[in-house]
All heavy atoms as atom14 arrays in JSON, in Angstrom:
{
  "sequence": "ERHHGRGESGGSLLLLLDLRFPSQFSGKQLKDSLMKKIF",
  "atom14_mask": [
    [1, 1, 1, 1, 1, 1, 1, 1, 1, 0, 0, 0, 0, 0],
    [1, 1, 1, 1, 1, 1, 1, 1, 1, 1, 1, 0, 0, 0],
    [1, 1, 1, 1, 1, 1, 1, 1, 1, 1, 0, 0, 0, 0],
    [1, 1, 1, 1, 1, 1, 1, 1, 1, 1, 0, 0, 0, 0],
    [1, 1, 1, 1, 0, 0, 0, 0, 0, 0, 0, 0, 0, 0],
    [1, 1, 1, 1, 1, 1, 1, 1, 1, 1, 1, 0, 0, 0],
    [1, 1, 1, 1, 0, 0, 0, 0, 0, 0, 0, 0, 0, 0],
    [1, 1, 1, 1, 1, 1, 1, 1, 1, 0, 0, 0, 0, 0],
    [1, 1, 1, 1, 1, 1, 0, 0, 0, 0, 0, 0, 0, 0],
    [1, 1, 1, 1, 0, 0, 0, 0, 0, 0, 0, 0, 0, 0],
    [1, 1, 1, 1, 0, 0, 0, 0, 0, 0, 0, 0, 0, 0],
    [1, 1, 1, 1, 1, 1, 0, 0, 0, 0, 0, 0, 0, 0],
    [1, 1, 1, 1, 1, 1, 1, 1, 0, 0, 0, 0, 0, 0],
    [1, 1, 1, 1, 1, 1, 1, 1, 0, 0, 0, 0, 0, 0],
    [1, 1, 1, 1, 1, 1, 1, 1, 0, 0, 0, 0, 0, 0],
    [1, 1, 1, 1, 1, 1, 1, 1, 0, 0, 0, 0, 0, 0],
    [1, 1, 1, 1, 1, 1, 1, 1, 0, 0, 0, 0, 0, 0],
    [1, 1, 1, 1, 1, 1, 1, 1, 0, 0, 0, 0, 0, 0],
    [1, 1, 1, 1, 1, 1, 1, 1, 0, 0, 0, 0, 0, 0],
    [1, 1, 1, 1, 1, 1, 1, 1, 1, 1, 1, 0, 0, 0],
    [1, 1, 1, 1, 1, 1, 1, 1, 1, 1, 1, 0, 0, 0],
    [1, 1, 1, 1, 1, 1, 1, 0, 0, 0, 0, 0, 0, 0],
    [1, 1, 1, 1, 1, 1, 0, 0, 0, 0, 0, 0, 0, 0],
    [1, 1, 1, 1, 1, 1, 1, 1, 1, 0, 0, 0, 0, 0],
    [1, 1, 1, 1, 1, 1, 1, 1, 1, 1, 1, 0, 0, 0],
    [1, 1, 1, 1, 1, 1, 0, 0, 0, 0, 0, 0, 0, 0],
    [1, 1, 1, 1, 0, 0, 0, 0, 0, 0, 0, 0, 0, 0],
    [1, 1, 1, 1, 1, 1, 1, 1, 1, 0, 0, 0, 0, 0],
    [1, 1, 1, 1, 1, 1, 1, 1, 1, 0, 0, 0, 0, 0],
    [1, 1, 1, 1, 1, 1, 1, 1, 0, 0, 0, 0, 0, 0],
    [1, 1, 1, 1, 1, 1, 1, 1, 1, 0, 0, 0, 0, 0],
    [1, 1, 1, 1, 1, 1, 1, 1, 0, 0, 0, 0, 0, 0],
    [1, 1, 1, 1, 1, 1, 0, 0, 0, 0, 0, 0, 0, 0],
    [1, 1, 1, 1, 1, 1, 1, 1, 0, 0, 0, 0, 0, 0],
    [1, 1, 1, 1, 1, 1, 1, 1, 0, 0, 0, 0, 0, 0],
    [1, 1, 1, 1, 1, 1, 1, 1, 1, 0, 0, 0, 0, 0],
    [1, 1, 1, 1, 1, 1, 1, 1, 1, 0, 0, 0, 0, 0],
    [1, 1, 1, 1, 1, 1, 1, 1, 0, 0, 0, 0, 0, 0],
    [1, 1, 1, 1, 1, 1, 1, 1, 1, 1, 1, 0, 0, 0]
  ],
  "atom14_positions": [
    [[3.2, -25.47, 2.88], [3.34, -24.03, 2.75], [2.55, -23.6, 1.52], [3.05, -23.6, 0.41], [4.82, -23.65, 2.61], [5.61, -23.96, 3.86], [7.05, -23.51, 3.73], [7.39, -22.96, 2.67], [7.82, -23.71, 4.67], [0.0, 0.0, 0.0], [0.0, 0.0, 0.0], [0.0, 0.0, 0.0], [0.0, 0.0, 0.0], [0.0, 0.0, 0.0]],
    [[1.33, -23.2, 1.74], [0.45, -22.82, 0.64], [0.55, -21.34, 0.37], [0.86, -20.54, 1.23], [-0.99, -23.19, 0.97], [-1.21, -24.67, 1.2], [-0.87, -25.46, -0.06], [-1.64, -25.01, -1.2], [-2.89, -25.37, -1.45], [-3.49, -26.23, -0.66], [-3.53, -24.92, -2.49], [0.0, 0.0, 0.0], [0.0, 0.0, 0.0], [0.0, 0.0, 0.0]],
    [[0.25, -20.95, -0.87], [0.29, -19.54, -1.25], [-0.82, -18.78, -0.54], [-1.94, -19.23, -0.44], [0.11, -19.41, -2.76], [-0.05, -18.01, -3.23], [1.0, -17.12, -3.23], [-1.13, -17.33, -3.66], [0.57, -15.96, -3.68], [-0.72, -16.06, -3.94], [0.0, 0.0, 0.0], [0.0, 0.0, 0.0], [0.0, 0.0, 0.0], [0.0, 0.0, 0.0]],
    [[-0.46, -17.58, -0.06], [-1.45, -16.72, 0.58], [-2.3, -16.05, -0.5], [-1.76, -15.45, -1.43], [-0.77, -15.64, 1.42], [-0.09, -16.21, 2.63], [-0.76, -16.44, 3.8], [1.19, -16.62, 2.83], [0.08, -16.94, 4.69], [1.27, -17.05, 4.12], [0.0, 0.0, 0.0], [0.0, 0.0, 0.0], [0.0, 0.0, 0.0], [0.0, 0.0, 0.0]],
    [[-3.59, -16.11, -0.36], [-4.48, -15.51, -1.33], [-4.59, -14.01, -1.14], [-4.04, -13.43, -0.22], [0.0, 0.0, 0.0], [0.0, 0.0, 0.0], [0.0, 0.0, 0.0], [0.0, 0.0, 0.0], [0.0, 0.0, 0.0], [0.0, 0.0, 0.0], [0.0, 0.0, 0.0], [0.0, 0.0, 0.0], [0.0, 0.0, 0.0], [0.0, 0.0, 0.0]],
    [[-5.31, -13.38, -2.03], [-5.51, -11.94, -1.93], [-6.22, -11.61, -0.64], [-7.15, -12.28, -0.22], [-6.3, -11.45, -3.14], [-5.5, -11.5, -4.42], [-6.36, -11.16, -5.59], [-6.99, -9.86, -5.44], [-7.9, -9.38, -6.27], [-8.3, -10.11, -7.28], [-8.42, -8.19, -6.08], [0.0, 0.0, 0.0], [0.0, 0.0, 0.0], [0.0, 0.0, 0.0]],
    [[-5.74, -10.55, 0.01], [-6.32, -10.12, 1.26], [-5.61, -10.7, 2.47], [-5.86, -10.3, 3.59], [0.0, 0.0, 0.0], [0.0, 0.0, 0.0], [0.0, 0.0, 0.0], [0.0, 0.0, 0.0], [0.0, 0.0, 0.0], [0.0, 0.0, 0.0], [0.0, 0.0, 0.0], [0.0, 0.0, 0.0], [0.0, 0.0, 0.0], [0.0, 0.0, 0.0]],
    [[-4.65, -11.66, 2.23], [-3.89, -12.23, 3.32], [-2.53, -11.55, 3.38], [-2.17, -10.75, 2.54], [-3.75, -13.74, 3.14], [-5.11, -14.45, 3.09], [-4.95, -15.93, 2.89], [-4.23, -16.56, 3.67], [-5.54, -16.45, 1.94], [0.0, 0.0, 0.0], [0.0, 0.0, 0.0], [0.0, 0.0, 0.0], [0.0, 0.0, 0.0], [0.0, 0.0, 0.0]],
    [[-1.74, -11.93, 4.38], [-0.49, -11.22, 4.62], [0.56, -11.48, 3.56], [1.46, -10.68, 3.38], [0.06, -11.59, 6.0], [0.38, -12.96, 6.06], [0.0, 0.0, 0.0], [0.0, 0.0, 0.0], [0.0, 0.0, 0.0], [0.0, 0.0, 0.0], [0.0, 0.0, 0.0], [0.0, 0.0, 0.0], [0.0, 0.0, 0.0], [0.0, 0.0, 0.0]],
    [[0.52, -12.64, 2.89], [1.4, -12.86, 1.76], [2.78, -13.38, 2.12], [3.63, -13.46, 1.27], [0.0, 0.0, 0.0], [0.0, 0.0, 0.0], [0.0, 0.0, 0.0], [0.0, 0.0, 0.0], [0.0, 0.0, 0.0], [0.0, 0.0, 0.0], [0.0, 0.0, 0.0], [0.0, 0.0, 0.0], [0.0, 0.0, 0.0], [0.0, 0.0, 0.0]],
    [[3.07, -13.74, 3.36], [4.33, -14.38, 3.67], [5.41, -13.43, 4.1], [5.16, -12.33, 4.57], [0.0, 0.0, 0.0], [0.0, 0.0, 0.0], [0.0, 0.0, 0.0], [0.0, 0.0, 0.0], [0.0, 0.0, 0.0], [0.0, 0.0, 0.0], [0.0, 0.0, 0.0], [0.0, 0.0, 0.0], [0.0, 0.0, 0.0], [0.0, 0.0, 0.0]],
    [[6.68, -13.84, 3.9], [7.78, -13.18, 4.56], [8.31, -11.95, 3.85], [9.03, -11.18, 4.44], [8.94, -14.17, 4.7], [9.41, -14.56, 3.43], [0.0, 0.0, 0.0], [0.0, 0.0, 0.0], [0.0, 0.0, 0.0], [0.0, 0.0, 0.0], [0.0, 0.0, 0.0], [0.0, 0.0, 0.0], [0.0, 0.0, 0.0], [0.0, 0.0, 0.0]],
    [[7.98, -11.77, 2.57], [8.67, -10.73, 1.83], [7.86, -9.5, 1.5], [8.37, -8.58, 0.89], [9.23, -11.31, 0.52], [10.48, -12.15, 0.69], [10.99, -12.55, -0.68], [11.55, -11.41, 1.43], [0.0, 0.0, 0.0], [0.0, 0.0, 0.0], [0.0, 0.0, 0.0], [0.0, 0.0, 0.0], [0.0, 0.0, 0.0], [0.0, 0.0, 0.0]],
    [[6.6, -9.42, 1.85], [5.87, -8.21, 1.51], [4.74, -7.94, 2.47], [3.93, -8.78, 2.76], [5.29, -8.31, 0.09], [4.48, -7.08, -0.32], [5.37, -5.85, -0.39], [3.79, -7.29, -1.64], [0.0, 0.0, 0.0], [0.0, 0.0, 0.0], [0.0, 0.0, 0.0], [0.0, 0.0, 0.0], [0.0, 0.0, 0.0], [0.0, 0.0, 0.0]],
    [[4.72, -6.71, 2.96], [3.55, -6.23, 3.68], [3.48, -4.73, 3.44], [4.45, -4.02, 3.63], [3.68, -6.52, 5.18], [2.48, -6.1, 6.04], [1.25, -6.9, 5.63], [2.77, -6.32, 7.5], [0.0, 0.0, 0.0], [0.0, 0.0, 0.0], [0.0, 0.0, 0.0], [0.0, 0.0, 0.0], [0.0, 0.0, 0.0], [0.0, 0.0, 0.0]],
    [[2.34, -4.24, 2.99], [2.18, -2.81, 2.8], [1.69, -2.22, 4.11], [0.67, -2.62, 4.64], [1.16, -2.53, 1.68], [1.59, -2.99, 0.29], [0.51, -2.66, -0.71], [2.89, -2.35, -0.11], [0.0, 0.0, 0.0], [0.0, 0.0, 0.0], [0.0, 0.0, 0.0], [0.0, 0.0, 0.0], [0.0, 0.0, 0.0], [0.0, 0.0, 0.0]],
    [[2.43, -1.25, 4.62], [2.12, -0.66, 5.92], [1.73, 0.8, 5.78], [2.31, 1.54, 4.99], [3.34, -0.76, 6.84], [3.79, -2.16, 7.22], [5.0, -2.05, 8.13], [2.69, -2.91, 7.92], [0.0, 0.0, 0.0], [0.0, 0.0, 0.0], [0.0, 0.0, 0.0], [0.0, 0.0, 0.0], [0.0, 0.0, 0.0], [0.0, 0.0, 0.0]],
    [[0.78, 1.24, 6.58], [0.45, 2.65, 6.74], [0.13, 3.32, 5.42], [0.57, 4.43, 5.14], [1.6, 3.39, 7.42], [1.19, 4.79, 7.88], [-0.01, 4.99, 8.17], [2.05, 5.66, 7.92], [0.0, 0.0, 0.0], [0.0, 0.0, 0.0], [0.0, 0.0, 0.0], [0.0, 0.0, 0.0], [0.0, 0.0, 0.0], [0.0, 0.0, 0.0]],
    [[-0.62, 2.65, 4.57], [-1.03, 3.25, 3.3], [-2.45, 3.74, 3.42], [-3.35, 2.97, 3.72], [-0.93, 2.22, 2.17], [0.49, 1.87, 1.74], [0.44, 0.75, 0.74], [1.18, 3.07, 1.17], [0.0, 0.0, 0.0], [0.0, 0.0, 0.0], [0.0, 0.0, 0.0], [0.0, 0.0, 0.0], [0.0, 0.0, 0.0], [0.0, 0.0, 0.0]],
    [[-2.67, 5.02, 3.19], [-4.01, 5.6, 3.26], [-4.24, 6.4, 1.99], [-4.07, 7.6, 1.95], [-4.15, 6.5, 4.48], [-3.9, 5.79, 5.8], [-5.0, 4.77, 6.1], [-4.79, 4.16, 7.4], [-4.1, 3.05, 7.59], [-3.54, 2.44, 6.55], [-3.95, 2.55, 8.79], [0.0, 0.0, 0.0], [0.0, 0.0, 0.0], [0.0, 0.0, 0.0]],
    [[-4.58, 5.67, 0.91], [-4.8, 6.35, -0.37], [-6.21, 6.9, -0.44], [-7.16, 6.15, -0.27], [-4.6, 5.38, -1.54], [-3.17, 5.06, -1.81], [-2.54, 4.05, -1.1], [-2.46, 5.76, -2.76], [-1.22, 3.74, -1.36], [-1.15, 5.45, -3.01], [-0.52, 4.44, -2.31], [0.0, 0.0, 0.0], [0.0, 0.0, 0.0], [0.0, 0.0, 0.0]],
    [[-6.38, 8.19, -0.73], [-7.72, 8.68, -1.03], [-8.21, 8.04, -2.32], [-7.41, 7.65, -3.17], [-7.5, 10.2, -1.22], [-6.07, 10.36, -1.55], [-5.34, 9.23, -0.87], [0.0, 0.0, 0.0], [0.0, 0.0, 0.0], [0.0, 0.0, 0.0], [0.0, 0.0, 0.0], [0.0, 0.0, 0.0], [0.0, 0.0, 0.0], [0.0, 0.0, 0.0]],
    [[-9.52, 7.91, -2.45], [-10.05, 7.22, -3.62], [-9.84, 8.01, -4.9], [-9.79, 7.46, -5.98], [-11.56, 6.97, -3.44], [-12.24, 8.2, -3.3], [0.0, 0.0, 0.0], [0.0, 0.0, 0.0], [0.0, 0.0, 0.0], [0.0, 0.0, 0.0], [0.0, 0.0, 0.0], [0.0, 0.0, 0.0], [0.0, 0.0, 0.0], [0.0, 0.0, 0.0]],
    [[-9.7, 9.32, -4.78], [-9.47, 10.13, -5.96], [-8.72, 11.38, -5.54], [-9.02, 11.99, -4.53], [-10.78, 10.52, -6.64], [-10.59, 11.19, -8.0], [-11.92, 11.41, -8.69], [-12.96, 11.36, -8.07], [-11.88, 11.67, -9.97], [0.0, 0.0, 0.0], [0.0, 0.0, 0.0], [0.0, 0.0, 0.0], [0.0, 0.0, 0.0], [0.0, 0.0, 0.0]],
    [[-7.67, 11.76, -6.28], [-6.9, 12.92, -5.88], [-6.19, 13.49, -7.09], [-6.02, 12.84, -8.11], [-5.88, 12.56, -4.79], [-5.22, 11.24, -5.01], [-4.21, 11.11, -5.93], [-5.61, 10.13, -4.29], [-3.59, 9.89, -6.13], [-5.0, 8.92, -4.5], [-3.99, 8.79, -5.42], [0.0, 0.0, 0.0], [0.0, 0.0, 0.0], [0.0, 0.0, 0.0]],
    [[-5.72, 14.72, -6.93], [-5.01, 15.37, -8.02], [-3.58, 14.87, -8.07], [-3.1, 14.18, -7.17], [-4.99, 16.88, -7.8], [-4.19, 17.19, -6.68], [0.0, 0.0, 0.0], [0.0, 0.0, 0.0], [0.0, 0.0, 0.0], [0.0, 0.0, 0.0], [0.0, 0.0, 0.0], [0.0, 0.0, 0.0], [0.0, 0.0, 0.0], [0.0, 0.0, 0.0]],
    [[-2.85, 15.28, -9.13], [-1.45, 14.92, -9.23], [-0.66, 15.43, -8.04], [0.19, 14.73, -7.49], [0.0, 0.0, 0.0], [0.0, 0.0, 0.0], [0.0, 0.0, 0.0], [0.0, 0.0, 0.0], [0.0, 0.0, 0.0], [0.0, 0.0, 0.0], [0.0, 0.0, 0.0], [0.0, 0.0, 0.0], [0.0, 0.0, 0.0], [0.0, 0.0, 0.0]],
    [[-0.92, 16.66, -7.6], [-0.21, 17.22, -6.45], [-0.55, 16.42, -5.19], [0.32, 16.09, -4.39], [-0.56, 18.68, -6.27], [0.18, 19.33, -5.08], [-0.18, 20.79, -4.96], [0.61, 21.45, -3.82], [0.36, 20.81, -2.53], [0.0, 0.0, 0.0], [0.0, 0.0, 0.0], [0.0, 0.0, 0.0], [0.0, 0.0, 0.0], [0.0, 0.0, 0.0]],
    [[-1.84, 16.11, -5.01], [-2.24, 15.34, -3.85], [-1.62, 13.95, -3.89], [-1.24, 13.39, -2.85], [-3.76, 15.23, -3.79], [-4.44, 16.54, -3.43], [-5.93, 16.45, -3.63], [-6.42, 15.74, -4.5], [-6.67, 17.18, -2.8], [0.0, 0.0, 0.0], [0.0, 0.0, 0.0], [0.0, 0.0, 0.0], [0.0, 0.0, 0.0], [0.0, 0.0, 0.0]],
    [[-1.51, 13.37, -5.09], [-0.87, 12.07, -5.24], [0.56, 12.13, -4.76], [1.02, 11.29, -3.98], [-0.92, 11.63, -6.71], [-0.1, 10.38, -7.07], [-0.71, 9.16, -6.43], [0.0, 10.24, -8.56], [0.0, 0.0, 0.0], [0.0, 0.0, 0.0], [0.0, 0.0, 0.0], [0.0, 0.0, 0.0], [0.0, 0.0, 0.0], [0.0, 0.0, 0.0]],
    [[1.29, 13.16, -5.21], [2.68, 13.3, -4.82], [2.82, 13.48, -3.31], [3.61, 12.79, -2.65], [3.31, 14.5, -5.54], [4.8, 14.68, -5.22], [5.35, 15.97, -5.79], [4.85, 17.15, -4.97], [5.51, 18.4, -5.36], [0.0, 0.0, 0.0], [0.0, 0.0, 0.0], [0.0, 0.0, 0.0], [0.0, 0.0, 0.0], [0.0, 0.0, 0.0]],
    [[2.04, 14.37, -2.74], [2.13, 14.64, -1.31], [1.76, 13.41, -0.49], [2.36, 13.15, 0.56], [1.21, 15.81, -0.93], [1.71, 17.13, -1.5], [2.89, 17.18, -1.89], [0.91, 18.09, -1.56], [0.0, 0.0, 0.0], [0.0, 0.0, 0.0], [0.0, 0.0, 0.0], [0.0, 0.0, 0.0], [0.0, 0.0, 0.0], [0.0, 0.0, 0.0]],
    [[0.77, 12.64, -0.97], [0.35, 11.45, -0.24], [1.4, 10.35, -0.31], [1.82, 9.79, 0.71], [-0.98, 10.93, -0.79], [-1.35, 9.74, -0.16], [0.0, 0.0, 0.0], [0.0, 0.0, 0.0], [0.0, 0.0, 0.0], [0.0, 0.0, 0.0], [0.0, 0.0, 0.0], [0.0, 0.0, 0.0], [0.0, 0.0, 0.0], [0.0, 0.0, 0.0]],
    [[1.85, 10.04, -1.52], [2.77, 8.93, -1.68], [4.14, 9.21, -1.11], [4.79, 8.31, -0.58], [2.9, 8.57, -3.17], [1.69, 7.92, -3.82], [2.02, 7.55, -5.25], [1.25, 6.7, -3.05], [0.0, 0.0, 0.0], [0.0, 0.0, 0.0], [0.0, 0.0, 0.0], [0.0, 0.0, 0.0], [0.0, 0.0, 0.0], [0.0, 0.0, 0.0]],
    [[4.6, 10.46, -1.21], [5.93, 10.76, -0.73], [6.02, 10.61, 0.77], [7.1, 10.4, 1.31], [6.33, 12.18, -1.14], [6.71, 12.3, -2.6], [7.52, 13.85, -2.98], [6.28, 15.02, -2.47], [0.0, 0.0, 0.0], [0.0, 0.0, 0.0], [0.0, 0.0, 0.0], [0.0, 0.0, 0.0], [0.0, 0.0, 0.0], [0.0, 0.0, 0.0]],
    [[4.89, 10.71, 1.48], [4.91, 10.66, 2.93], [4.5, 9.29, 3.47], [4.26, 9.13, 4.65], [3.99, 11.75, 3.5], [4.49, 13.15, 3.16], [3.56, 14.24, 3.64], [4.06, 15.61, 3.22], [3.15, 16.69, 3.63], [0.0, 0.0, 0.0], [0.0, 0.0, 0.0], [0.0, 0.0, 0.0], [0.0, 0.0, 0.0], [0.0, 0.0, 0.0]],
    [[4.38, 8.31, 2.59], [4.04, 6.96, 3.01], [5.23, 6.04, 2.76], [6.08, 6.31, 1.92], [2.81, 6.43, 2.24], [1.58, 7.31, 2.4], [1.16, 7.44, 3.84], [-0.06, 8.34, 3.97], [-0.44, 8.55, 5.37], [0.0, 0.0, 0.0], [0.0, 0.0, 0.0], [0.0, 0.0, 0.0], [0.0, 0.0, 0.0], [0.0, 0.0, 0.0]],
    [[5.28, 4.95, 3.46], [6.39, 4.01, 3.35], [5.86, 2.67, 2.87], [4.96, 2.13, 3.46], [7.08, 3.79, 4.71], [7.56, 5.13, 5.27], [8.23, 2.82, 4.58], [8.05, 5.01, 6.69], [0.0, 0.0, 0.0], [0.0, 0.0, 0.0], [0.0, 0.0, 0.0], [0.0, 0.0, 0.0], [0.0, 0.0, 0.0], [0.0, 0.0, 0.0]],
    [[6.48, 2.17, 1.8], [6.27, 0.77, 1.45], [7.33, 0.0, 2.23], [8.51, 0.18, 2.0], [6.48, 0.53, -0.04], [5.34, 0.96, -0.91], [5.48, 2.05, -1.73], [4.15, 0.26, -0.9], [4.44, 2.44, -2.56], [3.11, 0.64, -1.71], [3.26, 1.74, -2.54], [0.0, 0.0, 0.0], [0.0, 0.0, 0.0], [0.0, 0.0, 0.0]]
  ]
}
């Protein structure tokens, strides 16, 4: 059982789903974007 490297799924305890971060945004855009996404 080897460690998953960066860019791999990382095993049983973590997967980031449905994250669509714009490359640059305002504080308001940050709030609206993050509040509507699920970790």
